[in-house]
Amino acid sequence: MHAETLEPHGPKPKRHFSRTNIMLYGTLLLISIYYLMPLWVMVMTSLKGMPEVRLGHIFAPPIEVTFEPWVKAWSQACTGINCDGLSRGFWNSVQILIPSAVLSIMVASVNGYALANWKFKGSEVFFTILMLGAFIPYQIMIYPIVILLRELGLYGGLSGLVLVHTIFGMPILTLLFRNYFAGIPEELFKAARVDGAGFWRIYFRVLLPMSLPIFVVAIILQTTGIWNDFLFGVIYTKPDLYPMTVQLNNIVNSVQGVKEYNVNMAATLLTGAVPLLIYLVSGKLFVRGIAAGAVKG
């Protein structure tokens, strides 16, 4: 009796160490090192005392770890006439960020919903004008905004800065929401209309539960833009109300006393921690939402 010849079935197994994989992962590794190296230097320097920093071994881990630079950056570093560290600027930034992000995202989501599903006379013209606003350089609008805020009695306070961030965030967010809502099957919208649902009921009951990814995108974009803003913060507020980025600039560019690089690095990491943390927590939803909101519609 002759043994039957068994033929292999299924797809051909891929080699884990093929030339393509080696090139791909090697390239990704080099890019990762390139982008992570500055962060490594910042973290290592922030954990060293000044005597060790002066040795010049910026890539080496600390011989003796100390968190004193972080404590000083948060509560003791001089940011101008005040020497209470970044703590004051942190709470100022929080008071600016939360209302600015909430207002701009909610208004932009309603704008995008209306432009995608409720066409009205002049809607395309309105959308075109709104998009033009997204591409006007901020710098040429600084002085007119100063005059406007002065006339409204909001110049120099946090309320004026909240208004500025809210308005400047709406054009691009409206575009993202409009494209995202346009990609939702139209049958859902029509079925809700047949059932007697109106403008707000469809928005809250149908679209909002399906829109978590694009809201995460909006939150990350607004948080990053508002939290990292320096220009508006230094122009439209006064020293006691400066956001964290302005105080960071005052710490790093101080010309008085010894240059404490470990404190500067700790202050920089503290300033960038909030948007970085938000992105790390919601990174997958950000990728899904940015793809849907950018290419659909």
C-alpha atoms as a PDB file:
ATOM      1  CA  MET A   1       0.000   0.000   0.000  1.00  0.00           C
ATOM      2  CA  HIS A   2       1.498   3.305  -1.053  1.00  0.00           C
ATOM      3  CA  ALA A   3       1.485   6.189   1.396  1.00  0.00           C
ATOM      4  CA  GLU A   4      -0.551   9.109   0.211  1.00  0.00           C
ATOM      5  CA  THR A   5       1.312  12.349  -0.482  1.00  0.00           C
ATOM      6  CA  LEU A   6       0.007  15.149   1.749  1.00  0.00           C
ATOM      7  CA  GLU A   7      -0.062  18.605   0.196  1.00  0.00           C
ATOM      8  CA  PRO A   8       0.115  21.647   2.485  1.00  0.00           C
ATOM      9  CA  HIS A   9      -3.025  23.744   2.656  1.00  0.00           C
ATOM     10  CA  GLY A  10      -3.658  27.386   3.520  1.00  0.00           C
ATOM     11  CA  PRO A  11      -1.568  30.502   2.966  1.00  0.00           C
ATOM     12  CA  LYS A  12       2.188  30.248   2.859  1.00  0.00           C
ATOM     13  CA  PRO A  13       3.632  31.143   6.268  1.00  0.00           C
ATOM     14  CA  LYS A  14       5.463  34.474   6.360  1.00  0.00           C
ATOM     15  CA  ARG A  15       9.000  34.715   7.622  1.00  0.00           C
ATOM     16  CA  HIS A  16       9.314  36.923  10.682  1.00  0.00           C
ATOM     17  CA  PHE A  17      12.761  38.159   9.681  1.00  0.00           C
ATOM     18  CA  SER A  18      12.269  38.842   6.019  1.00  0.00           C
ATOM     19  CA  ARG A  19      14.183  41.666   4.361  1.00  0.00           C
ATOM     20  CA  THR A  20      11.021  43.776   4.158  1.00  0.00           C
ATOM     21  CA  ASN A  21      10.246  43.370   7.861  1.00  0.00           C
ATOM     22  CA  ILE A  22      13.813  44.174   8.861  1.00  0.00           C
ATOM     23  CA  MET A  23      13.780  47.373   6.788  1.00  0.00           C
ATOM     24  CA  LEU A  24      10.318  48.346   8.048  1.00  0.00           C
ATOM     25  CA  TYR A  25      10.972  47.806  11.738  1.00  0.00           C
ATOM     26  CA  GLY A  26      14.480  49.210  11.461  1.00  0.00           C
ATOM     27  CA  THR A  27      13.130  52.424   9.960  1.00  0.00           C
ATOM     28  CA  LEU A  28      10.400  52.687  12.619  1.00  0.00           C
ATOM     29  CA  LEU A  29      12.992  52.097  15.345  1.00  0.00           C
ATOM     30  CA  LEU A  30      15.256  54.856  14.027  1.00  0.00           C
ATOM     31  CA  ILE A  31      12.349  57.301  13.747  1.00  0.00           C
ATOM     32  CA  SER A  32      11.201  56.432  17.282  1.00  0.00           C
ATOM     33  CA  ILE A  33      14.699  56.995  18.670  1.00  0.00           C
ATOM     34  CA  TYR A  34      14.929  60.316  16.829  1.00  0.00           C
ATOM     35  CA  TYR A  35      11.686  61.597  18.345  1.00  0.00           C
ATOM     36  CA  LEU A  36      12.136  60.090  21.806  1.00  0.00           C
ATOM     37  CA  MET A  37      15.740  61.183  22.342  1.00  0.00           C
ATOM     38  CA  PRO A  38      14.849  64.806  23.295  1.00  0.00           C
ATOM     39  CA  LEU A  39      12.244  63.487  25.749  1.00  0.00           C
ATOM     40  CA  TRP A  40      14.849  61.130  27.237  1.00  0.00           C
ATOM     41  CA  VAL A  41      17.303  64.010  27.689  1.00  0.00           C
ATOM     42  CA  MET A  42      14.625  66.173  29.313  1.00  0.00           C
ATOM     43  CA  VAL A  43      13.552  63.479  31.769  1.00  0.00           C
ATOM     44  CA  MET A  44      17.116  62.504  32.705  1.00  0.00           C
ATOM     45  CA  THR A  45      18.187  66.134  33.179  1.00  0.00           C
ATOM     46  CA  SER A  46      15.125  66.925  35.303  1.00  0.00           C
ATOM     47  CA  LEU A  47      16.072  64.116  37.707  1.00  0.00           C
ATOM     48  CA  LYS A  48      19.652  65.317  38.256  1.00  0.00           C
ATOM     49  CA  GLY A  49      21.089  67.895  40.629  1.00  0.00           C
ATOM     50  CA  MET A  50      22.977  70.841  39.150  1.00  0.00           C
ATOM     51  CA  PRO A  51      26.452  69.459  40.065  1.00  0.00           C
ATOM     52  CA  GLU A  52      25.693  66.369  37.985  1.00  0.00           C
ATOM     53  CA  VAL A  53      24.161  68.422  35.163  1.00  0.00           C
ATOM     54  CA  ARG A  54      27.386  70.445  34.896  1.00  0.00           C
ATOM     55  CA  LEU A  55      29.323  67.256  34.114  1.00  0.00           C
ATOM     56  CA  GLY A  56      27.741  67.418  30.655  1.00  0.00           C
ATOM     57  CA  HIS A  57      26.629  63.779  30.296  1.00  0.00           C
ATOM     58  CA  ILE A  58      23.187  64.672  28.978  1.00  0.00           C
ATOM     59  CA  PHE A  59      22.285  61.169  27.762  1.00  0.00           C
ATOM     60  CA  ALA A  60      23.375  59.340  30.908  1.00  0.00           C
ATOM     61  CA  PRO A  61      20.788  58.459  33.571  1.00  0.00           C
ATOM     62  CA  PRO A  62      21.171  60.236  36.916  1.00  0.00           C
ATOM     63  CA  ILE A  63      23.634  58.795  39.394  1.00  0.00           C
ATOM     64  CA  GLU A  64      21.466  60.060  42.232  1.00  0.00           C
ATOM     65  CA  VAL A  65      17.797  60.670  41.436  1.00  0.00           C
ATOM     66  CA  THR A  66      16.299  63.853  42.883  1.00  0.00           C
ATOM     67  CA  PHE A  67      12.835  65.347  42.486  1.00  0.00           C
ATOM     68  CA  GLU A  68      13.855  68.731  43.841  1.00  0.00           C
ATOM     69  CA  PRO A  69      13.850  70.321  40.338  1.00  0.00           C
ATOM     70  CA  TRP A  70      10.229  69.233  39.886  1.00  0.00           C
ATOM     71  CA  VAL A  71       9.223  70.674  43.259  1.00  0.00           C
ATOM     72  CA  LYS A  72      10.987  73.943  42.497  1.00  0.00           C
ATOM     73  CA  ALA A  73       9.477  74.177  39.010  1.00  0.00           C
ATOM     74  CA  TRP A  74       5.984  73.645  40.406  1.00  0.00           C
ATOM     75  CA  SER A  75       6.012  75.834  43.500  1.00  0.00           C
ATOM     76  CA  GLN A  76       9.207  77.893  43.851  1.00  0.00           C
ATOM     77  CA  ALA A  77      10.586  79.044  40.487  1.00  0.00           C
ATOM     78  CA  CYS A  78      10.279  82.745  39.663  1.00  0.00           C
ATOM     79  CA  THR A  79       8.025  83.502  36.697  1.00  0.00           C
ATOM     80  CA  GLY A  80       8.359  87.267  36.826  1.00  0.00           C
ATOM     81  CA  ILE A  81       7.431  89.198  39.937  1.00  0.00           C
ATOM     82  CA  ASN A  82       5.940  86.024  41.450  1.00  0.00           C
ATOM     83  CA  CYS A  83       8.053  83.125  42.726  1.00  0.00           C
ATOM     84  CA  ASP A  84       5.353  80.495  43.214  1.00  0.00           C
ATOM     85  CA  GLY A  85       6.350  78.324  40.262  1.00  0.00           C
ATOM     86  CA  LEU A  86       4.025  76.984  37.599  1.00  0.00           C
ATOM     87  CA  SER A  87       1.189  76.218  39.988  1.00  0.00           C
ATOM     88  CA  ARG A  88      -0.515  79.574  39.413  1.00  0.00           C
ATOM     89  CA  GLY A  89      -0.216  79.224  35.629  1.00  0.00           C
ATOM     90  CA  PHE A  90      -1.540  75.664  35.749  1.00  0.00           C
ATOM     91  CA  TRP A  91      -4.816  76.712  37.355  1.00  0.00           C
ATOM     92  CA  ASN A  92      -5.064  79.691  35.013  1.00  0.00           C
ATOM     93  CA  SER A  93      -4.663  77.314  32.055  1.00  0.00           C
ATOM     94  CA  VAL A  94      -7.329  75.000  33.462  1.00  0.00           C
ATOM     95  CA  GLN A  95      -9.758  77.936  33.806  1.00  0.00           C
ATOM     96  CA  ILE A  96      -9.017  78.903  30.202  1.00  0.00           C
ATOM     97  CA  LEU A  97      -9.089  75.395  28.733  1.00  0.00           C
ATOM     98  CA  ILE A  98     -12.315  73.944  30.110  1.00  0.00           C
ATOM     99  CA  PRO A  99     -14.816  76.639  29.047  1.00  0.00           C
ATOM    100  CA  SER A 100     -12.995  77.292  25.758  1.00  0.00           C
ATOM    101  CA  ALA A 101     -12.958  73.620  24.770  1.00  0.00           C
ATOM    102  CA  VAL A 102     -16.523  72.920  25.868  1.00  0.00           C
ATOM    103  CA  LEU A 103     -18.016  75.970  24.138  1.00  0.00           C
ATOM    104  CA  SER A 104     -16.086  75.606  20.879  1.00  0.00           C
ATOM    105  CA  ILE A 105     -16.737  71.863  20.584  1.00  0.00           C
ATOM    106  CA  MET A 106     -20.443  72.102  21.345  1.00  0.00           C
ATOM    107  CA  VAL A 107     -21.024  75.032  18.980  1.00  0.00           C
ATOM    108  CA  ALA A 108     -18.918  73.445  16.228  1.00  0.00           C
ATOM    109  CA  SER A 109     -20.712  70.093  16.568  1.00  0.00           C
ATOM    110  CA  VAL A 110     -24.100  71.782  16.164  1.00  0.00           C
ATOM    111  CA  ASN A 111     -22.749  73.784  13.212  1.00  0.00           C
ATOM    112  CA  GLY A 112     -21.405  70.659  11.557  1.00  0.00           C
ATOM    113  CA  TYR A 113     -24.640  68.776  12.183  1.00  0.00           C
ATOM    114  CA  ALA A 114     -26.741  71.581  10.694  1.00  0.00           C
ATOM    115  CA  LEU A 115     -24.489  71.982   7.642  1.00  0.00           C
ATOM    116  CA  ALA A 116     -24.458  68.243   6.961  1.00  0.00           C
ATOM    117  CA  ASN A 117     -28.114  67.336   7.554  1.00  0.00           C
ATOM    118  CA  TRP A 118     -30.217  70.503   7.602  1.00  0.00           C
ATOM    119  CA  LYS A 119     -29.508  72.467   4.453  1.00  0.00           C
ATOM    120  CA  PHE A 120     -30.734  76.038   4.594  1.00  0.00           C
ATOM    121  CA  LYS A 121     -30.567  78.951   2.201  1.00  0.00           C
ATOM    122  CA  GLY A 122     -27.018  80.273   2.088  1.00  0.00           C
ATOM    123  CA  SER A 123     -25.560  77.322   4.003  1.00  0.00           C
ATOM    124  CA  GLU A 124     -22.763  76.771   1.488  1.00  0.00           C
ATOM    125  CA  VAL A 125     -21.838  80.465   1.545  1.00  0.00           C
ATOM    126  CA  PHE A 126     -21.812  80.391   5.340  1.00  0.00           C
ATOM    127  CA  PHE A 127     -19.592  77.308   5.318  1.00  0.00           C
ATOM    128  CA  THR A 128     -17.181  78.891   2.822  1.00  0.00           C
ATOM    129  CA  ILE A 129     -16.847  82.042   4.941  1.00  0.00           C
ATOM    130  CA  LEU A 130     -16.315  79.925   8.037  1.00  0.00           C
ATOM    131  CA  MET A 131     -13.555  77.955   6.323  1.00  0.00           C
ATOM    132  CA  LEU A 132     -11.835  81.120   5.173  1.00  0.00           C
ATOM    133  CA  GLY A 133     -11.601  82.103   8.815  1.00  0.00           C
ATOM    134  CA  ALA A 134      -9.531  78.976   9.505  1.00  0.00           C
ATOM    135  CA  PHE A 135      -6.804  80.100   7.099  1.00  0.00           C
ATOM    136  CA  ILE A 136      -6.480  83.745   8.109  1.00  0.00           C
ATOM    137  CA  PRO A 137      -3.159  84.224   9.971  1.00  0.00           C
ATOM    138  CA  TYR A 138      -3.737  84.936  13.648  1.00  0.00           C
ATOM    139  CA  GLN A 139      -1.100  87.644  13.673  1.00  0.00           C
ATOM    140  CA  ILE A 140      -3.016  90.065  11.440  1.00  0.00           C
ATOM    141  CA  MET A 141      -6.053  89.858  13.742  1.00  0.00           C
ATOM    142  CA  ILE A 142      -4.278  90.563  17.018  1.00  0.00           C
ATOM    143  CA  TYR A 143      -4.820  94.318  17.140  1.00  0.00           C
ATOM    144  CA  PRO A 144      -8.491  94.273  15.996  1.00  0.00           C
ATOM    145  CA  ILE A 145      -9.212  91.683  18.686  1.00  0.00           C
ATOM    146  CA  VAL A 146      -7.502  93.863  21.288  1.00  0.00           C
ATOM    147  CA  ILE A 147      -9.813  96.744  20.362  1.00  0.00           C
ATOM    148  CA  LEU A 148     -12.874  94.467  20.344  1.00  0.00           C
ATOM    149  CA  LEU A 149     -12.099  92.995  23.763  1.00  0.00           C
ATOM    150  CA  ARG A 150     -11.391  96.462  25.144  1.00  0.00           C
ATOM    151  CA  GLU A 151     -14.760  97.738  23.963  1.00  0.00           C
ATOM    152  CA  LEU A 152     -16.476  94.688  25.470  1.00  0.00           C
ATOM    153  CA  GLY A 153     -14.667  95.193  28.768  1.00  0.00           C
ATOM    154  CA  LEU A 154     -12.995  91.782  28.534  1.00  0.00           C
ATOM    155  CA  TYR A 155      -9.411  92.760  27.756  1.00  0.00           C
ATOM    156  CA  GLY A 156      -6.873  91.552  30.315  1.00  0.00           C
ATOM    157  CA  GLY A 157      -9.138  88.894  31.852  1.00  0.00           C
ATOM    158  CA  LEU A 158      -9.623  85.178  31.389  1.00  0.00           C
ATOM    159  CA  SER A 159     -13.100  85.665  29.900  1.00  0.00           C
ATOM    160  CA  GLY A 160     -11.666  87.535  26.925  1.00  0.00           C
ATOM    161  CA  LEU A 161      -9.091  84.830  26.273  1.00  0.00           C
ATOM    162  CA  VAL A 162     -11.792  82.139  26.528  1.00  0.00           C
ATOM    163  CA  LEU A 163     -13.821  84.004  23.906  1.00  0.00           C
ATOM    164  CA  VAL A 164     -10.814  84.248  21.569  1.00  0.00           C
ATOM    165  CA  HIS A 165      -9.986  80.528  21.826  1.00  0.00           C
ATOM    166  CA  THR A 166     -13.634  79.583  21.353  1.00  0.00           C
ATOM    167  CA  ILE A 167     -13.989  81.605  18.149  1.00  0.00           C
ATOM    168  CA  PHE A 168     -10.663  80.571  16.629  1.00  0.00           C
ATOM    169  CA  GLY A 169     -11.328  76.890  17.317  1.00  0.00           C
ATOM    170  CA  MET A 170     -14.715  76.737  15.605  1.00  0.00           C
ATOM    171  CA  PRO A 171     -13.805  76.780  11.868  1.00  0.00           C
ATOM    172  CA  ILE A 172     -11.630  73.664  11.756  1.00  0.00           C
ATOM    173  CA  LEU A 173     -13.834  71.836  14.270  1.00  0.00           C
ATOM    174  CA  THR A 174     -16.930  72.649  12.215  1.00  0.00           C
ATOM    175  CA  LEU A 175     -15.229  71.125   9.165  1.00  0.00           C
ATOM    176  CA  LEU A 176     -14.391  67.931  11.060  1.00  0.00           C
ATOM    177  CA  PHE A 177     -17.895  67.554  12.497  1.00  0.00           C
ATOM    178  CA  ARG A 178     -19.548  68.321   9.164  1.00  0.00           C
ATOM    179  CA  ASN A 179     -17.508  65.670   7.365  1.00  0.00           C
ATOM    180  CA  TYR A 180     -18.082  63.133  10.121  1.00  0.00           C
ATOM    181  CA  PHE A 181     -21.851  63.648  10.214  1.00  0.00           C
ATOM    182  CA  ALA A 182     -21.997  63.541   6.408  1.00  0.00           C
ATOM    183  CA  GLY A 183     -20.470  60.068   6.565  1.00  0.00           C
ATOM    184  CA  ILE A 184     -23.235  58.687   8.809  1.00  0.00           C
ATOM    185  CA  PRO A 185     -25.853  56.764   6.783  1.00  0.00           C
ATOM    186  CA  GLU A 186     -28.572  59.159   5.677  1.00  0.00           C
ATOM    187  CA  GLU A 187     -31.210  56.491   6.318  1.00  0.00           C
ATOM    188  CA  LEU A 188     -30.799  56.960  10.076  1.00  0.00           C
ATOM    189  CA  PHE A 189     -31.517  60.656   9.743  1.00  0.00           C
ATOM    190  CA  LYS A 190     -34.531  60.068   7.486  1.00  0.00           C
ATOM    191  CA  ALA A 191     -35.927  57.369   9.781  1.00  0.00           C
ATOM    192  CA  ALA A 192     -35.702  59.727  12.743  1.00  0.00           C
ATOM    193  CA  ARG A 193     -37.487  62.433  10.739  1.00  0.00           C
ATOM    194  CA  VAL A 194     -40.253  59.966   9.828  1.00  0.00           C
ATOM    195  CA  ASP A 195     -40.656  59.105  13.516  1.00  0.00           C
ATOM    196  CA  GLY A 196     -41.279  62.791  14.217  1.00  0.00           C
ATOM    197  CA  ALA A 197     -37.917  63.699  15.718  1.00  0.00           C
ATOM    198  CA  GLY A 198     -36.871  67.316  15.313  1.00  0.00           C
ATOM    199  CA  PHE A 199     -33.538  69.112  15.088  1.00  0.00           C
ATOM    200  CA  TRP A 200     -32.413  68.748  18.711  1.00  0.00           C
ATOM    201  CA  ARG A 201     -33.874  65.298  19.325  1.00  0.00           C
ATOM    202  CA  ILE A 202     -31.995  63.851  16.345  1.00  0.00           C
ATOM    203  CA  TYR A 203     -28.831  65.574  17.485  1.00  0.00           C
ATOM    204  CA  PHE A 204     -28.969  64.289  21.060  1.00  0.00           C
ATOM    205  CA  ARG A 205     -30.634  60.893  20.563  1.00  0.00           C
ATOM    206  CA  VAL A 206     -29.211  59.732  17.222  1.00  0.00           C
ATOM    207  CA  LEU A 207     -25.963  61.473  16.335  1.00  0.00           C
ATOM    208  CA  LEU A 208     -24.269  62.129  19.679  1.00  0.00           C
ATOM    209  CA  PRO A 209     -24.174  58.444  20.753  1.00  0.00           C
ATOM    210  CA  MET A 210     -22.433  57.627  17.449  1.00  0.00           C
ATOM    211  CA  SER A 211     -19.946  60.483  17.566  1.00  0.00           C
ATOM    212  CA  LEU A 212     -17.517  59.581  20.348  1.00  0.00           C
ATOM    213  CA  PRO A 213     -14.453  59.293  18.032  1.00  0.00           C
ATOM    214  CA  ILE A 214     -14.880  62.745  16.478  1.00  0.00           C
ATOM    215  CA  PHE A 215     -15.534  64.316  19.885  1.00  0.00           C
ATOM    216  CA  VAL A 216     -12.281  62.771  21.124  1.00  0.00           C
ATOM    217  CA  VAL A 217     -10.505  64.297  18.120  1.00  0.00           C
ATOM    218  CA  ALA A 218     -12.020  67.685  18.907  1.00  0.00           C
ATOM    219  CA  ILE A 219     -11.043  67.429  22.573  1.00  0.00           C
ATOM    220  CA  ILE A 220      -7.445  66.539  21.729  1.00  0.00           C
ATOM    221  CA  LEU A 221      -7.117  69.266  19.093  1.00  0.00           C
ATOM    222  CA  GLN A 222      -8.586  71.952  21.321  1.00  0.00           C
ATOM    223  CA  THR A 223      -6.710  70.824  24.411  1.00  0.00           C
ATOM    224  CA  THR A 224      -3.414  70.815  22.535  1.00  0.00           C
ATOM    225  CA  GLY A 225      -4.046  74.141  20.832  1.00  0.00           C
ATOM    226  CA  ILE A 226      -5.364  76.001  23.870  1.00  0.00           C
ATOM    227  CA  TRP A 227      -2.997  74.529  26.446  1.00  0.00           C
ATOM    228  CA  ASN A 228       0.109  75.095  24.282  1.00  0.00           C
ATOM    229  CA  ASP A 229      -0.875  78.603  23.217  1.00  0.00           C
ATOM    230  CA  PHE A 230       1.598  81.341  24.066  1.00  0.00           C
ATOM    231  CA  LEU A 231       0.747  84.239  21.755  1.00  0.00           C
ATOM    232  CA  PHE A 232      -2.846  84.849  22.832  1.00  0.00           C
ATOM    233  CA  GLY A 233      -2.027  84.215  26.468  1.00  0.00           C
ATOM    234  CA  VAL A 234       0.723  86.822  26.664  1.00  0.00           C
ATOM    235  CA  ILE A 235      -1.271  89.447  24.707  1.00  0.00           C
ATOM    236  CA  TYR A 236      -4.809  89.184  26.072  1.00  0.00           C
ATOM    237  CA  THR A 237      -4.133  88.564  29.771  1.00  0.00           C
ATOM    238  CA  LYS A 238      -2.119  90.223  32.512  1.00  0.00           C
ATOM    239  CA  PRO A 239       0.773  88.745  34.569  1.00  0.00           C
ATOM    240  CA  ASP A 240      -1.371  87.375  37.406  1.00  0.00           C
ATOM    241  CA  LEU A 241      -3.521  85.504  34.857  1.00  0.00           C
ATOM    242  CA  TYR A 242      -0.790  84.249  32.529  1.00  0.00           C
ATOM    243  CA  PRO A 243      -1.296  80.645  31.376  1.00  0.00           C
ATOM    244  CA  MET A 244       1.300  77.974  32.011  1.00  0.00           C
ATOM    245  CA  THR A 245       3.147  78.417  28.704  1.00  0.00           C
ATOM    246  CA  VAL A 246       3.821  82.108  29.363  1.00  0.00           C
ATOM    247  CA  GLN A 247       5.151  81.310  32.825  1.00  0.00           C
ATOM    248  CA  LEU A 248       7.333  78.559  31.335  1.00  0.00           C
ATOM    249  CA  ASN A 249       8.823  81.095  28.931  1.00  0.00           C
ATOM    250  CA  ASN A 250       9.591  83.417  31.847  1.00  0.00           C
ATOM    251  CA  ILE A 251      11.338  80.607  33.742  1.00  0.00           C
ATOM    252  CA  VAL A 252      13.414  79.351  30.817  1.00  0.00           C
ATOM    253  CA  ASN A 253      14.406  82.789  29.516  1.00  0.00           C
ATOM    254  CA  SER A 254      15.200  84.319  32.897  1.00  0.00           C
ATOM    255  CA  VAL A 255      18.529  86.184  32.813  1.00  0.00           C
ATOM    256  CA  GLN A 256      18.899  86.507  36.582  1.00  0.00           C
ATOM    257  CA  GLY A 257      20.771  84.055  38.766  1.00  0.00           C
ATOM    258  CA  VAL A 258      22.183  80.644  37.809  1.00  0.00           C
ATOM    259  CA  LYS A 259      20.757  78.863  34.785  1.00  0.00           C
ATOM    260  CA  GLU A 260      19.102  75.793  36.303  1.00  0.00           C
ATOM    261  CA  TYR A 261      18.671  73.436  33.377  1.00  0.00           C
ATOM    262  CA  ASN A 262      17.172  70.689  35.520  1.00  0.00           C
ATOM    263  CA  VAL A 263      14.407  73.040  36.697  1.00  0.00           C
ATOM    264  CA  ASN A 264      13.824  74.219  33.127  1.00  0.00           C
ATOM    265  CA  MET A 265      13.423  70.642  31.908  1.00  0.00           C
ATOM    266  CA  ALA A 266      11.065  69.756  34.760  1.00  0.00           C
ATOM    267  CA  ALA A 267       8.986  72.863  34.059  1.00  0.00           C
ATOM    268  CA  THR A 268       8.780  71.958  30.362  1.00  0.00           C
ATOM    269  CA  LEU A 269       7.621  68.419  31.153  1.00  0.00           C
ATOM    270  CA  LEU A 270       5.019  69.692  33.610  1.00  0.00           C
ATOM    271  CA  THR A 271       3.667  72.122  31.015  1.00  0.00           C
ATOM    272  CA  GLY A 272       3.325  69.457  28.338  1.00  0.00           C
ATOM    273  CA  ALA A 273       1.925  66.742  30.611  1.00  0.00           C
ATOM    274  CA  VAL A 274      -1.797  67.509  30.203  1.00  0.00           C
ATOM    275  CA  PRO A 275      -2.173  67.268  26.387  1.00  0.00           C
ATOM    276  CA  LEU A 276       0.241  64.330  26.294  1.00  0.00           C
ATOM    277  CA  LEU A 277      -1.755  62.448  28.931  1.00  0.00           C
ATOM    278  CA  ILE A 278      -5.048  63.067  27.125  1.00  0.00           C
ATOM    279  CA  TYR A 279      -3.598  61.795  23.852  1.00  0.00           C
ATOM    280  CA  LEU A 280      -2.120  58.664  25.464  1.00  0.00           C
ATOM    281  CA  VAL A 281      -5.451  57.823  27.097  1.00  0.00           C
ATOM    282  CA  SER A 282      -7.529  58.274  23.929  1.00  0.00           C
ATOM    283  CA  GLY A 283      -5.046  57.644  21.114  1.00  0.00           C
ATOM    284  CA  LYS A 284      -7.023  54.900  19.321  1.00  0.00           C
ATOM    285  CA  LEU A 285     -10.220  56.919  19.249  1.00  0.00           C
ATOM    286  CA  PHE A 286      -8.229  59.897  17.977  1.00  0.00           C
ATOM    287  CA  VAL A 287      -6.949  57.928  14.965  1.00  0.00           C
ATOM    288  CA  ARG A 288     -10.442  56.621  14.167  1.00  0.00           C
ATOM    289  CA  GLY A 289     -12.056  60.016  14.480  1.00  0.00           C
ATOM    290  CA  ILE A 290      -9.468  61.995  12.540  1.00  0.00           C
ATOM    291  CA  ALA A 291      -9.685  59.542   9.646  1.00  0.00           C
ATOM    292  CA  ALA A 292     -13.497  59.664   9.569  1.00  0.00           C
ATOM    293  CA  GLY A 293     -13.714  63.428  10.018  1.00  0.00           C
ATOM    294  CA  ALA A 294     -11.023  64.263   7.497  1.00  0.00           C
ATOM    295  CA  VAL A 295     -11.792  62.091   4.473  1.00  0.00           C
ATOM    296  CA  LYS A 296     -15.562  61.580   4.486  1.00  0.00           C
ATOM    297  CA  GLY A 297     -18.161  63.949   3.153  1.00  0.00           C
END
